[in-house]
């Protein structure tokens, strides 16, 4: 069970290949520019509230959960393994 934090759009394919059903993917910063390329992920995909306006106009094929900074901190404490893609 890992929390993957995608910050670099160029690493999207590597990140997606590493995901499993019990992981969580949080898309941040530069990762938001390629969020519409994510389809059928094996795990939940999340984005911070501040970035939700950035992706609102994109044609997404996934359910995207918007979270707060407090929820992000909670995710960090819940996941023993964290992978930052930057």
PDB file of N, CA and C in Angstrom:
ATOM      1  N   UNK A   1       0.849  -1.177   0.000  1.00  0.00           N
ATOM      2  CA  UNK A   1       0.000   0.000   0.000  1.00  0.00           C
ATOM      3  C   UNK A   1       0.889   1.232   0.000  1.00  0.00           C
ATOM      4  N   UNK A   2       0.936   1.925  -1.143  1.00  0.00           N
ATOM      5  CA  UNK A   2       1.816   3.084  -1.278  1.00  0.00           C
ATOM      6  C   UNK A   2       1.026   4.306  -1.730  1.00  0.00           C
ATOM      7  N   UNK A   3       1.514   5.454  -1.324  1.00  0.00           N
ATOM      8  CA  UNK A   3       0.992   6.728  -1.803  1.00  0.00           C
ATOM      9  C   UNK A   3       1.948   7.224  -2.874  1.00  0.00           C
ATOM     10  N   UNK A   4       1.481   7.259  -4.114  1.00  0.00           N
ATOM     11  CA  UNK A   4       2.278   7.755  -5.235  1.00  0.00           C
ATOM     12  C   UNK A   4       1.901   9.214  -5.459  1.00  0.00           C
ATOM     13  N   UNK A   5       2.906  10.088  -5.512  1.00  0.00           N
ATOM     14  CA  UNK A   5       2.674  11.509  -5.722  1.00  0.00           C
ATOM     15  C   UNK A   5       3.323  11.909  -7.048  1.00  0.00           C
ATOM     16  N   UNK A   6       2.486  12.091  -8.070  1.00  0.00           N
ATOM     17  CA  UNK A   6       2.975  12.415  -9.410  1.00  0.00           C
ATOM     18  C   UNK A   6       3.127  13.922  -9.548  1.00  0.00           C
ATOM     19  N   UNK A   7       4.386  14.384  -9.647  1.00  0.00           N
ATOM     20  CA  UNK A   7       4.670  15.811  -9.805  1.00  0.00           C
ATOM     21  C   UNK A   7       5.235  16.133 -11.179  1.00  0.00           C
ATOM     22  N   UNK A   8       5.803  15.152 -11.857  1.00  0.00           N
ATOM     23  CA  UNK A   8       6.474  15.362 -13.139  1.00  0.00           C
ATOM     24  C   UNK A   8       5.703  14.628 -14.234  1.00  0.00           C
ATOM     25  N   UNK A   9       5.154  15.385 -15.161  1.00  0.00           N
ATOM     26  CA  UNK A   9       4.345  14.804 -16.233  1.00  0.00           C
ATOM     27  C   UNK A   9       5.117  13.779 -17.055  1.00  0.00           C
ATOM     28  N   UNK A  10       6.415  13.971 -17.206  1.00  0.00           N
ATOM     29  CA  UNK A  10       7.235  13.062 -18.015  1.00  0.00           C
ATOM     30  C   UNK A  10       7.332  11.665 -17.406  1.00  0.00           C
ATOM     31  N   UNK A  11       7.003  11.541 -16.130  1.00  0.00           N
ATOM     32  CA  UNK A  11       7.107  10.251 -15.444  1.00  0.00           C
ATOM     33  C   UNK A  11       5.762   9.530 -15.330  1.00  0.00           C
ATOM     34  N   UNK A  12       4.754  10.030 -16.016  1.00  0.00           N
ATOM     35  CA  UNK A  12       3.415   9.448 -15.908  1.00  0.00           C
ATOM     36  C   UNK A  12       3.398   7.957 -16.212  1.00  0.00           C
ATOM     37  N   UNK A  13       3.962   7.540 -17.328  1.00  0.00           N
ATOM     38  CA  UNK A  13       3.921   6.121 -17.703  1.00  0.00           C
ATOM     39  C   UNK A  13       4.604   5.236 -16.672  1.00  0.00           C
ATOM     40  N   UNK A  14       5.741   5.672 -16.156  1.00  0.00           N
ATOM     41  CA  UNK A  14       6.448   4.898 -15.126  1.00  0.00           C
ATOM     42  C   UNK A  14       5.597   4.796 -13.862  1.00  0.00           C
ATOM     43  N   UNK A  15       4.980   5.899 -13.501  1.00  0.00           N
ATOM     44  CA  UNK A  15       4.124   5.920 -12.320  1.00  0.00           C
ATOM     45  C   UNK A  15       2.949   4.963 -12.494  1.00  0.00           C
ATOM     46  N   UNK A  16       2.266   5.053 -13.623  1.00  0.00           N
ATOM     47  CA  UNK A  16       1.110   4.182 -13.865  1.00  0.00           C
ATOM     48  C   UNK A  16       1.496   2.710 -13.857  1.00  0.00           C
ATOM     49  N   UNK A  17       2.669   2.388 -14.393  1.00  0.00           N
ATOM     50  CA  UNK A  17       3.140   0.995 -14.401  1.00  0.00           C
ATOM     51  C   UNK A  17       3.386   0.466 -12.991  1.00  0.00           C
ATOM     52  N   UNK A  18       3.698   1.356 -12.063  1.00  0.00           N
ATOM     53  CA  UNK A  18       4.031   0.948 -10.698  1.00  0.00           C
ATOM     54  C   UNK A  18       2.810   0.821  -9.789  1.00  0.00           C
ATOM     55  N   UNK A  19       1.660   1.310 -10.215  1.00  0.00           N
ATOM     56  CA  UNK A  19       0.470   1.321  -9.365  1.00  0.00           C
ATOM     57  C   UNK A  19      -0.146  -0.060  -9.211  1.00  0.00           C
ATOM     58  N   UNK A  20      -0.680  -0.312  -8.015  1.00  0.00           N
ATOM     59  CA  UNK A  20      -1.456  -1.528  -7.763  1.00  0.00           C
ATOM     60  C   UNK A  20      -2.778  -1.134  -7.110  1.00  0.00           C
ATOM     61  N   UNK A  21      -3.663  -2.091  -6.969  1.00  0.00           N
ATOM     62  CA  UNK A  21      -5.019  -1.822  -6.493  1.00  0.00           C
ATOM     63  C   UNK A  21      -5.072  -1.225  -5.093  1.00  0.00           C
ATOM     64  N   UNK A  22      -4.104  -1.540  -4.248  1.00  0.00           N
ATOM     65  CA  UNK A  22      -4.148  -1.023  -2.879  1.00  0.00           C
ATOM     66  C   UNK A  22      -3.356   0.272  -2.704  1.00  0.00           C
ATOM     67  N   UNK A  23      -2.902   0.870  -3.796  1.00  0.00           N
ATOM     68  CA  UNK A  23      -2.178   2.140  -3.751  1.00  0.00           C
ATOM     69  C   UNK A  23      -3.153   3.311  -3.888  1.00  0.00           C
ATOM     70  N   UNK A  24      -2.607   4.509  -3.754  1.00  0.00           N
ATOM     71  CA  UNK A  24      -3.335   5.752  -4.003  1.00  0.00           C
ATOM     72  C   UNK A  24      -2.436   6.647  -4.830  1.00  0.00           C
ATOM     73  N   UNK A  25      -3.007   7.314  -5.825  1.00  0.00           N
ATOM     74  CA  UNK A  25      -2.253   8.235  -6.666  1.00  0.00           C
ATOM     75  C   UNK A  25      -2.733   9.654  -6.409  1.00  0.00           C
ATOM     76  N   UNK A  26      -1.815  10.521  -5.991  1.00  0.00           N
ATOM     77  CA  UNK A  26      -2.097  11.938  -5.804  1.00  0.00           C
ATOM     78  C   UNK A  26      -1.366  12.697  -6.900  1.00  0.00           C
ATOM     79  N   UNK A  27      -2.121  13.407  -7.739  1.00  0.00           N
ATOM     80  CA  UNK A  27      -1.538  14.157  -8.852  1.00  0.00           C
ATOM     81  C   UNK A  27      -1.310  15.592  -8.392  1.00  0.00           C
ATOM     82  N   UNK A  28      -0.064  16.043  -8.520  1.00  0.00           N
ATOM     83  CA  UNK A  28       0.337  17.366  -8.046  1.00  0.00           C
ATOM     84  C   UNK A  28       1.049  18.150  -9.141  1.00  0.00           C
ATOM     85  N   UNK A  29       1.092  19.445  -8.995  1.00  0.00           N
ATOM     86  CA  UNK A  29       1.929  20.339  -9.795  1.00  0.00           C
ATOM     87  C   UNK A  29       1.910  19.985 -11.284  1.00  0.00           C
ATOM     88  N   UNK A  30       3.078  19.671 -11.839  1.00  0.00           N
ATOM     89  CA  UNK A  30       3.212  19.369 -13.258  1.00  0.00           C
ATOM     90  C   UNK A  30       2.445  18.145 -13.700  1.00  0.00           C
ATOM     91  N   UNK A  31       2.135  17.261 -12.785  1.00  0.00           N
ATOM     92  CA  UNK A  31       1.358  16.076 -13.129  1.00  0.00           C
ATOM     93  C   UNK A  31      -0.043  16.415 -13.603  1.00  0.00           C
ATOM     94  N   UNK A  32      -0.545  17.572 -13.189  1.00  0.00           N
ATOM     95  CA  UNK A  32      -1.896  17.985 -13.584  1.00  0.00           C
ATOM     96  C   UNK A  32      -2.014  18.194 -15.089  1.00  0.00           C
ATOM     97  N   UNK A  33      -0.906  18.497 -15.745  1.00  0.00           N
ATOM     98  CA  UNK A  33      -0.960  18.770 -17.182  1.00  0.00           C
ATOM     99  C   UNK A  33      -1.252  17.518 -18.011  1.00  0.00           C
ATOM    100  N   UNK A  34      -1.055  16.345 -17.430  1.00  0.00           N
ATOM    101  CA  UNK A  34      -1.294  15.096 -18.170  1.00  0.00           C
ATOM    102  C   UNK A  34      -2.392  14.237 -17.541  1.00  0.00           C
ATOM    103  N   UNK A  35      -3.155  14.819 -16.657  1.00  0.00           N
ATOM    104  CA  UNK A  35      -4.150  14.031 -15.924  1.00  0.00           C
ATOM    105  C   UNK A  35      -5.189  13.401 -16.856  1.00  0.00           C
ATOM    106  N   UNK A  36      -5.461  14.047 -17.998  1.00  0.00           N
ATOM    107  CA  UNK A  36      -6.444  13.474 -18.922  1.00  0.00           C
ATOM    108  C   UNK A  36      -5.917  12.225 -19.616  1.00  0.00           C
ATOM    109  N   UNK A  37      -4.628  11.945 -19.500  1.00  0.00           N
ATOM    110  CA  UNK A  37      -4.046  10.738 -20.091  1.00  0.00           C
ATOM    111  C   UNK A  37      -4.191   9.516 -19.183  1.00  0.00           C
ATOM    112  N   UNK A  38      -4.669   9.721 -17.983  1.00  0.00           N
ATOM    113  CA  UNK A  38      -4.865   8.612 -17.048  1.00  0.00           C
ATOM    114  C   UNK A  38      -6.228   7.986 -17.330  1.00  0.00           C
ATOM    115  N   UNK A  39      -6.212   6.701 -17.665  1.00  0.00           N
ATOM    116  CA  UNK A  39      -7.475   5.996 -17.894  1.00  0.00           C
ATOM    117  C   UNK A  39      -7.394   4.620 -17.246  1.00  0.00           C
ATOM    118  N   UNK A  40      -8.464   4.236 -16.606  1.00  0.00           N
ATOM    119  CA  UNK A  40      -8.569   2.936 -15.936  1.00  0.00           C
ATOM    120  C   UNK A  40      -7.429   2.659 -14.961  1.00  0.00           C
ATOM    121  N   UNK A  41      -7.149   3.589 -14.045  1.00  0.00           N
ATOM    122  CA  UNK A  41      -6.106   3.317 -13.053  1.00  0.00           C
ATOM    123  C   UNK A  41      -6.582   2.225 -12.090  1.00  0.00           C
ATOM    124  N   UNK A  42      -5.660   1.452 -11.536  1.00  0.00           N
ATOM    125  CA  UNK A  42      -6.051   0.369 -10.634  1.00  0.00           C
ATOM    126  C   UNK A  42      -6.387   0.846  -9.221  1.00  0.00           C
ATOM    127  N   UNK A  43      -6.192   2.143  -8.960  1.00  0.00           N
ATOM    128  CA  UNK A  43      -6.365   2.668  -7.607  1.00  0.00           C
ATOM    129  C   UNK A  43      -7.033   4.045  -7.661  1.00  0.00           C
ATOM    130  N   UNK A  44      -7.440   4.568  -6.508  1.00  0.00           N
ATOM    131  CA  UNK A  44      -8.023   5.911  -6.481  1.00  0.00           C
ATOM    132  C   UNK A  44      -7.024   6.976  -6.951  1.00  0.00           C
ATOM    133  N   UNK A  45      -7.556   7.999  -7.643  1.00  0.00           N
ATOM    134  CA  UNK A  45      -6.749   9.131  -8.102  1.00  0.00           C
ATOM    135  C   UNK A  45      -7.283  10.382  -7.421  1.00  0.00           C
ATOM    136  N   UNK A  46      -6.365  11.140  -6.805  1.00  0.00           N
ATOM    137  CA  UNK A  46      -6.747  12.323  -6.059  1.00  0.00           C
ATOM    138  C   UNK A  46      -5.998  13.548  -6.559  1.00  0.00           C
ATOM    139  N   UNK A  47      -6.556  14.725  -6.254  1.00  0.00           N
ATOM    140  CA  UNK A  47      -5.932  15.992  -6.596  1.00  0.00           C
ATOM    141  C   UNK A  47      -6.251  16.980  -5.479  1.00  0.00           C
ATOM    142  N   UNK A  48      -5.339  17.905  -5.227  1.00  0.00           N
ATOM    143  CA  UNK A  48      -5.574  18.906  -4.192  1.00  0.00           C
ATOM    144  C   UNK A  48      -6.604  19.934  -4.650  1.00  0.00           C
ATOM    145  N   UNK A  49      -7.333  20.491  -3.681  1.00  0.00           N
ATOM    146  CA  UNK A  49      -8.357  21.496  -3.975  1.00  0.00           C
ATOM    147  C   UNK A  49      -7.812  22.633  -4.835  1.00  0.00           C
ATOM    148  N   UNK A  50      -6.621  23.101  -4.521  1.00  0.00           N
ATOM    149  CA  UNK A  50      -6.065  24.257  -5.234  1.00  0.00           C
ATOM    150  C   UNK A  50      -5.827  23.972  -6.715  1.00  0.00           C
ATOM    151  N   UNK A  51      -5.671  22.719  -7.080  1.00  0.00           N
ATOM    152  CA  UNK A  51      -5.420  22.355  -8.474  1.00  0.00           C
ATOM    153  C   UNK A  51      -6.691  21.946  -9.210  1.00  0.00           C
ATOM    154  N   UNK A  52      -7.784  21.839  -8.504  1.00  0.00           N
ATOM    155  CA  UNK A  52      -9.012  21.343  -9.131  1.00  0.00           C
ATOM    156  C   UNK A  52      -9.506  22.267 -10.244  1.00  0.00           C
ATOM    157  N   UNK A  53      -9.311  23.565 -10.113  1.00  0.00           N
ATOM    158  CA  UNK A  53      -9.724  24.497 -11.168  1.00  0.00           C
ATOM    159  C   UNK A  53      -8.892  24.294 -12.430  1.00  0.00           C
ATOM    160  N   UNK A  54      -7.634  23.907 -12.254  1.00  0.00           N
ATOM    161  CA  UNK A  54      -6.735  23.683 -13.383  1.00  0.00           C
ATOM    162  C   UNK A  54      -7.217  22.533 -14.260  1.00  0.00           C
ATOM    163  N   UNK A  55      -7.770  21.517 -13.653  1.00  0.00           N
ATOM    164  CA  UNK A  55      -8.182  20.328 -14.414  1.00  0.00           C
ATOM    165  C   UNK A  55      -9.679  20.297 -14.713  1.00  0.00           C
ATOM    166  N   UNK A  56     -10.415  21.274 -14.231  1.00  0.00           N
ATOM    167  CA  UNK A  56     -11.872  21.274 -14.400  1.00  0.00           C
ATOM    168  C   UNK A  56     -12.291  21.262 -15.862  1.00  0.00           C
ATOM    169  N   UNK A  57     -11.523  21.898 -16.722  1.00  0.00           N
ATOM    170  CA  UNK A  57     -11.900  21.983 -18.137  1.00  0.00           C
ATOM    171  C   UNK A  57     -11.378  20.809 -18.969  1.00  0.00           C
ATOM    172  N   UNK A  58     -10.619  19.920 -18.346  1.00  0.00           N
ATOM    173  CA  UNK A  58     -10.053  18.782 -19.078  1.00  0.00           C
ATOM    174  C   UNK A  58     -11.091  17.673 -19.228  1.00  0.00           C
ATOM    175  N   UNK A  59     -10.967  16.916 -20.286  1.00  0.00           N
ATOM    176  CA  UNK A  59     -11.866  15.801 -20.556  1.00  0.00           C
ATOM    177  C   UNK A  59     -11.325  14.557 -19.850  1.00  0.00           C
ATOM    178  N   UNK A  60     -11.810  14.303 -18.649  1.00  0.00           N
ATOM    179  CA  UNK A  60     -11.294  13.201 -17.836  1.00  0.00           C
ATOM    180  C   UNK A  60     -12.146  11.948 -18.002  1.00  0.00           C
ATOM    181  N   UNK A  61     -11.465  10.812 -18.073  1.00  0.00           N
ATOM    182  CA  UNK A  61     -12.168   9.534 -18.177  1.00  0.00           C
ATOM    183  C   UNK A  61     -12.117   8.768 -16.858  1.00  0.00           C
ATOM    184  N   UNK A  62     -11.739   9.461 -15.796  1.00  0.00           N
ATOM    185  CA  UNK A  62     -11.614   8.824 -14.480  1.00  0.00           C
ATOM    186  C   UNK A  62     -12.406   9.613 -13.448  1.00  0.00           C
ATOM    187  N   UNK A  63     -12.735   8.944 -12.352  1.00  0.00           N
ATOM    188  CA  UNK A  63     -13.307   9.635 -11.205  1.00  0.00           C
ATOM    189  C   UNK A  63     -12.152  10.228 -10.421  1.00  0.00           C
ATOM    190  N   UNK A  64     -12.219  11.496 -10.194  1.00  0.00           N
ATOM    191  CA  UNK A  64     -11.147  12.216  -9.523  1.00  0.00           C
ATOM    192  C   UNK A  64     -11.674  12.739  -8.202  1.00  0.00           C
ATOM    193  N   UNK A  65     -10.972  12.423  -7.120  1.00  0.00           N
ATOM    194  CA  UNK A  65     -11.382  12.895  -5.804  1.00  0.00           C
ATOM    195  C   UNK A  65     -10.552  14.115  -5.437  1.00  0.00           C
ATOM    196  N   UNK A  66     -11.218  15.198  -5.063  1.00  0.00           N
ATOM    197  CA  UNK A  66     -10.545  16.428  -4.657  1.00  0.00           C
ATOM    198  C   UNK A  66     -10.366  16.385  -3.144  1.00  0.00           C
ATOM    199  N   UNK A  67      -9.128  16.651  -2.691  1.00  0.00           N
ATOM    200  CA  UNK A  67      -8.839  16.600  -1.257  1.00  0.00           C
ATOM    201  C   UNK A  67      -8.198  17.907  -0.787  1.00  0.00           C
ATOM    202  N   UNK A  68      -8.229  18.125   0.521  1.00  0.00           N
ATOM    203  CA  UNK A  68      -7.619  19.299   1.148  1.00  0.00           C
ATOM    204  C   UNK A  68      -6.197  18.967   1.599  1.00  0.00           C
ATOM    205  N   UNK A  69      -5.473  19.990   2.028  1.00  0.00           N
ATOM    206  CA  UNK A  69      -4.132  19.759   2.567  1.00  0.00           C
ATOM    207  C   UNK A  69      -4.191  18.865   3.804  1.00  0.00           C
ATOM    208  N   UNK A  70      -5.201  19.063   4.643  1.00  0.00           N
ATOM    209  CA  UNK A  70      -5.337  18.224   5.839  1.00  0.00           C
ATOM    210  C   UNK A  70      -5.535  16.756   5.461  1.00  0.00           C
ATOM    211  N   UNK A  71      -6.313  16.511   4.419  1.00  0.00           N
ATOM    212  CA  UNK A  71      -6.510  15.137   3.960  1.00  0.00           C
ATOM    213  C   UNK A  71      -5.220  14.566   3.377  1.00  0.00           C
ATOM    214  N   UNK A  72      -4.421  15.411   2.737  1.00  0.00           N
ATOM    215  CA  UNK A  72      -3.122  14.984   2.207  1.00  0.00           C
ATOM    216  C   UNK A  72      -2.226  14.537   3.356  1.00  0.00           C
ATOM    217  N   UNK A  73      -2.179  15.325   4.408  1.00  0.00           N
ATOM    218  CA  UNK A  73      -1.371  14.961   5.577  1.00  0.00           C
ATOM    219  C   UNK A  73      -1.847  13.631   6.147  1.00  0.00           C
ATOM    220  N   UNK A  74      -3.141  13.443   6.200  1.00  0.00           N
ATOM    221  CA  UNK A  74      -3.697  12.185   6.693  1.00  0.00           C
ATOM    222  C   UNK A  74      -3.269  11.011   5.814  1.00  0.00           C
ATOM    223  N   UNK A  75      -3.282  11.204   4.502  1.00  0.00           N
ATOM    224  CA  UNK A  75      -2.829  10.153   3.581  1.00  0.00           C
ATOM    225  C   UNK A  75      -1.376   9.782   3.833  1.00  0.00           C
ATOM    226  N   UNK A  76      -0.552  10.788   4.062  1.00  0.00           N
ATOM    227  CA  UNK A  76       0.870  10.547   4.308  1.00  0.00           C
ATOM    228  C   UNK A  76       1.051   9.684   5.551  1.00  0.00           C
ATOM    229  N   UNK A  77       0.271   9.949   6.574  1.00  0.00           N
ATOM    230  CA  UNK A  77       0.408   9.165   7.804  1.00  0.00           C
ATOM    231  C   UNK A  77      -0.176   7.760   7.661  1.00  0.00           C
ATOM    232  N   UNK A  78      -1.122   7.580   6.752  1.00  0.00           N
ATOM    233  CA  UNK A  78      -1.756   6.272   6.550  1.00  0.00           C
ATOM    234  C   UNK A  78      -0.937   5.333   5.670  1.00  0.00           C
ATOM    235  N   UNK A  79      -0.074   5.883   4.848  1.00  0.00           N
ATOM    236  CA  UNK A  79       0.705   5.072   3.908  1.00  0.00           C
ATOM    237  C   UNK A  79       2.158   4.981   4.375  1.00  0.00           C
ATOM    238  N   UNK A  80       2.582   3.779   4.698  1.00  0.00           N
ATOM    239  CA  UNK A  80       3.958   3.573   5.157  1.00  0.00           C
ATOM    240  C   UNK A  80       4.962   3.821   4.038  1.00  0.00           C
ATOM    241  N   UNK A  81       4.551   3.567   2.809  1.00  0.00           N
ATOM    242  CA  UNK A  81       5.437   3.748   1.652  1.00  0.00           C
ATOM    243  C   UNK A  81       4.922   4.918   0.823  1.00  0.00           C
ATOM    244  N   UNK A  82       5.837   5.826   0.482  1.00  0.00           N
ATOM    245  CA  UNK A  82       5.498   6.961  -0.370  1.00  0.00           C
ATOM    246  C   UNK A  82       6.494   7.032  -1.513  1.00  0.00           C
ATOM    247  N   UNK A  83       5.964   7.191  -2.712  1.00  0.00           N
ATOM    248  CA  UNK A  83       6.800   7.298  -3.905  1.00  0.00           C
ATOM    249  C   UNK A  83       6.497   8.646  -4.543  1.00  0.00           C
ATOM    250  N   UNK A  84       7.519   9.484  -4.654  1.00  0.00           N
ATOM    251  CA  UNK A  84       7.350  10.800  -5.259  1.00  0.00           C
ATOM    252  C   UNK A  84       7.960  10.762  -6.650  1.00  0.00           C
ATOM    253  N   UNK A  85       7.149  11.031  -7.639  1.00  0.00           N
ATOM    254  CA  UNK A  85       7.574  11.036  -9.035  1.00  0.00           C
ATOM    255  C   UNK A  85       7.820  12.487  -9.432  1.00  0.00           C
ATOM    256  N   UNK A  86       9.108  12.924  -9.317  1.00  0.00           N
ATOM    257  CA  UNK A  86       9.422  14.313  -9.677  1.00  0.00           C
ATOM    258  C   UNK A  86      10.708  14.441 -10.436  1.00  0.00           C
TER     259      UNK A  86
END
